[in-house]
Amino acid sequence: MNDRTFDRPVLVKNGQFLIEEIGCLADAFEFLEEWPKNRRGPIYDTAFRACQRAHDGHIPLSVARDAFAGFARSAKVLEDVSAAMPWMAGNTGRATA
């Protein structure tokens, strides 16, 4: 496993219907760099700095992941895994023979 890979991915909405998996620092940097400049603010800056610091080895990767997820939540693009893929939650309502 790559030492720059998150322990669990962050799912974000990229557009109206597309859900993107952010699984590592490179993915997070790419998403952040493509974020519209007019929608950037202090939470964006914090997430970007956290990713930079994790890349440089100054903070744990988990801190950068959490900062990115916090940014995604504040920007209303964070996608809930259970809402994105309800069929993966398992069979809870079907009777077995």
C-alpha atoms as a PDB file:
ATOM      1  CA  MET A   1       0.000   0.000   0.000  1.00  0.00           C
ATOM      2  CA  ASN A   2       1.207   3.467  -0.886  1.00  0.00           C
ATOM      3  CA  ASP A   3       2.191   5.534   2.154  1.00  0.00           C
ATOM      4  CA  ARG A   4       0.207   8.442   0.635  1.00  0.00           C
ATOM      5  CA  THR A   5      -3.048   6.427   0.488  1.00  0.00           C
ATOM      6  CA  PHE A   6      -5.865   7.229   2.912  1.00  0.00           C
ATOM      7  CA  ASP A   7      -7.030   4.464   5.253  1.00  0.00           C
ATOM      8  CA  ARG A   8     -10.517   4.932   3.768  1.00  0.00           C
ATOM      9  CA  PRO A   9     -11.533   7.025   0.777  1.00  0.00           C
ATOM     10  CA  VAL A  10     -13.572  10.209   0.847  1.00  0.00           C
ATOM     11  CA  LEU A  11     -16.454  10.237  -1.630  1.00  0.00           C
ATOM     12  CA  VAL A  12     -17.303  13.605  -3.137  1.00  0.00           C
ATOM     13  CA  LYS A  13     -19.834  14.843  -5.650  1.00  0.00           C
ATOM     14  CA  ASN A  14     -18.080  16.141  -8.721  1.00  0.00           C
ATOM     15  CA  GLY A  15     -20.846  17.728 -10.715  1.00  0.00           C
ATOM     16  CA  GLN A  16     -24.524  16.983 -10.410  1.00  0.00           C
ATOM     17  CA  PHE A  17     -24.409  13.199 -10.817  1.00  0.00           C
ATOM     18  CA  LEU A  18     -20.778  12.042 -10.692  1.00  0.00           C
ATOM     19  CA  ILE A  19     -19.325  10.710  -7.434  1.00  0.00           C
ATOM     20  CA  GLU A  20     -15.541  10.706  -7.203  1.00  0.00           C
ATOM     21  CA  GLU A  21     -13.430   8.626  -4.836  1.00  0.00           C
ATOM     22  CA  ILE A  22     -10.591  10.539  -3.186  1.00  0.00           C
ATOM     23  CA  GLY A  23      -8.305   7.776  -1.985  1.00  0.00           C
ATOM     24  CA  CYS A  24      -4.923   9.435  -1.617  1.00  0.00           C
ATOM     25  CA  LEU A  25      -3.111  12.744  -1.338  1.00  0.00           C
ATOM     26  CA  ALA A  26      -2.686  13.003  -5.106  1.00  0.00           C
ATOM     27  CA  ASP A  27      -6.463  12.690  -5.592  1.00  0.00           C
ATOM     28  CA  ALA A  28      -7.095  15.306  -2.888  1.00  0.00           C
ATOM     29  CA  PHE A  29      -4.596  17.742  -4.430  1.00  0.00           C
ATOM     30  CA  GLU A  30      -6.134  17.285  -7.881  1.00  0.00           C
ATOM     31  CA  PHE A  31      -9.659  17.899  -6.555  1.00  0.00           C
ATOM     32  CA  LEU A  32      -8.566  20.945  -4.563  1.00  0.00           C
ATOM     33  CA  GLU A  33      -6.603  22.443  -7.464  1.00  0.00           C
ATOM     34  CA  GLU A  34      -9.651  22.115  -9.731  1.00  0.00           C
ATOM     35  CA  TRP A  35     -11.962  23.716  -7.144  1.00  0.00           C
ATOM     36  CA  PRO A  36     -13.252  27.077  -8.452  1.00  0.00           C
ATOM     37  CA  LYS A  37     -11.175  29.978  -7.144  1.00  0.00           C
ATOM     38  CA  ASN A  38     -14.270  32.026  -6.352  1.00  0.00           C
ATOM     39  CA  ARG A  39     -15.506  29.251  -4.004  1.00  0.00           C
ATOM     40  CA  ARG A  40     -12.272  28.936  -2.026  1.00  0.00           C
ATOM     41  CA  GLY A  41     -12.058  30.193   1.515  1.00  0.00           C
ATOM     42  CA  PRO A  42     -10.489  29.496   4.915  1.00  0.00           C
ATOM     43  CA  ILE A  43     -11.725  25.895   5.114  1.00  0.00           C
ATOM     44  CA  TYR A  44     -10.360  25.205   1.631  1.00  0.00           C
ATOM     45  CA  ASP A  45      -7.045  26.770   2.666  1.00  0.00           C
ATOM     46  CA  THR A  46      -6.905  24.627   5.799  1.00  0.00           C
ATOM     47  CA  ALA A  47      -7.535  21.434   3.824  1.00  0.00           C
ATOM     48  CA  PHE A  48      -4.922  22.348   1.222  1.00  0.00           C
ATOM     49  CA  ARG A  49      -2.320  23.185   3.892  1.00  0.00           C
ATOM     50  CA  ALA A  50      -3.064  19.926   5.726  1.00  0.00           C
ATOM     51  CA  CYS A  51      -2.484  17.966   2.524  1.00  0.00           C
ATOM     52  CA  GLN A  52       0.773  19.848   1.928  1.00  0.00           C
ATOM     53  CA  ARG A  53       1.951  19.200   5.491  1.00  0.00           C
ATOM     54  CA  ALA A  54       1.071  15.491   5.247  1.00  0.00           C
ATOM     55  CA  HIS A  55       2.918  15.294   1.932  1.00  0.00           C
ATOM     56  CA  ASP A  56       5.973  16.815   3.599  1.00  0.00           C
ATOM     57  CA  GLY A  57       5.678  14.381   6.526  1.00  0.00           C
ATOM     58  CA  HIS A  58       4.843  17.002   9.150  1.00  0.00           C
ATOM     59  CA  ILE A  59       1.407  15.639  10.088  1.00  0.00           C
ATOM     60  CA  PRO A  60      -0.238  12.201   9.835  1.00  0.00           C
ATOM     61  CA  LEU A  61      -2.055  11.333   6.629  1.00  0.00           C
ATOM     62  CA  SER A  62      -5.239  10.797   8.651  1.00  0.00           C
ATOM     63  CA  VAL A  63      -5.237  14.484   9.634  1.00  0.00           C
ATOM     64  CA  ALA A  64      -5.073  15.513   5.973  1.00  0.00           C
ATOM     65  CA  ARG A  65      -7.867  13.081   5.107  1.00  0.00           C
ATOM     66  CA  ASP A  66     -10.055  14.472   7.888  1.00  0.00           C
ATOM     67  CA  ALA A  67      -9.298  18.067   6.825  1.00  0.00           C
ATOM     68  CA  PHE A  68     -10.225  17.231   3.232  1.00  0.00           C
ATOM     69  CA  ALA A  69     -13.449  15.530   4.375  1.00  0.00           C
ATOM     70  CA  GLY A  70     -14.250  18.597   6.498  1.00  0.00           C
ATOM     71  CA  PHE A  71     -13.756  20.833   3.487  1.00  0.00           C
ATOM     72  CA  ALA A  72     -15.981  18.572   1.373  1.00  0.00           C
ATOM     73  CA  ARG A  73     -18.666  18.632   4.069  1.00  0.00           C
ATOM     74  CA  SER A  74     -18.567  22.434   4.340  1.00  0.00           C
ATOM     75  CA  ALA A  75     -18.723  22.765   0.539  1.00  0.00           C
ATOM     76  CA  LYS A  76     -21.693  20.348   0.517  1.00  0.00           C
ATOM     77  CA  VAL A  77     -19.965  17.897  -1.812  1.00  0.00           C
ATOM     78  CA  LEU A  78     -19.260  15.147   0.729  1.00  0.00           C
ATOM     79  CA  GLU A  79     -21.179  12.009  -0.254  1.00  0.00           C
ATOM     80  CA  ASP A  80     -22.393   9.582   2.381  1.00  0.00           C
ATOM     81  CA  VAL A  81     -21.255   6.046   1.488  1.00  0.00           C
ATOM     82  CA  SER A  82     -24.541   4.464   2.574  1.00  0.00           C
ATOM     83  CA  ALA A  83     -26.533   6.954   0.497  1.00  0.00           C
ATOM     84  CA  ALA A  84     -24.265   6.512  -2.518  1.00  0.00           C
ATOM     85  CA  MET A  85     -24.398   2.722  -2.573  1.00  0.00           C
ATOM     86  CA  PRO A  86     -27.444   1.425  -0.646  1.00  0.00           C
ATOM     87  CA  TRP A  87     -27.296  -1.971  -2.354  1.00  0.00           C
ATOM     88  CA  MET A  88     -23.982  -2.617  -0.594  1.00  0.00           C
ATOM     89  CA  ALA A  89     -25.552  -2.339   2.871  1.00  0.00           C
ATOM     90  CA  GLY A  90     -26.662  -5.954   2.723  1.00  0.00           C
ATOM     91  CA  ASN A  91     -29.910  -7.846   2.593  1.00  0.00           C
ATOM     92  CA  THR A  92     -32.023  -6.813   5.552  1.00  0.00           C
ATOM     93  CA  GLY A  93     -35.593  -7.109   4.346  1.00  0.00           C
ATOM     94  CA  ARG A  94     -35.786 -10.318   2.358  1.00  0.00           C
ATOM     95  CA  ALA A  95     -36.965 -13.528   3.969  1.00  0.00           C
ATOM     96  CA  THR A  96     -34.897 -16.628   3.370  1.00  0.00           C
ATOM     97  CA  ALA A  97     -36.312 -20.046   2.587  1.00  0.00           C
END
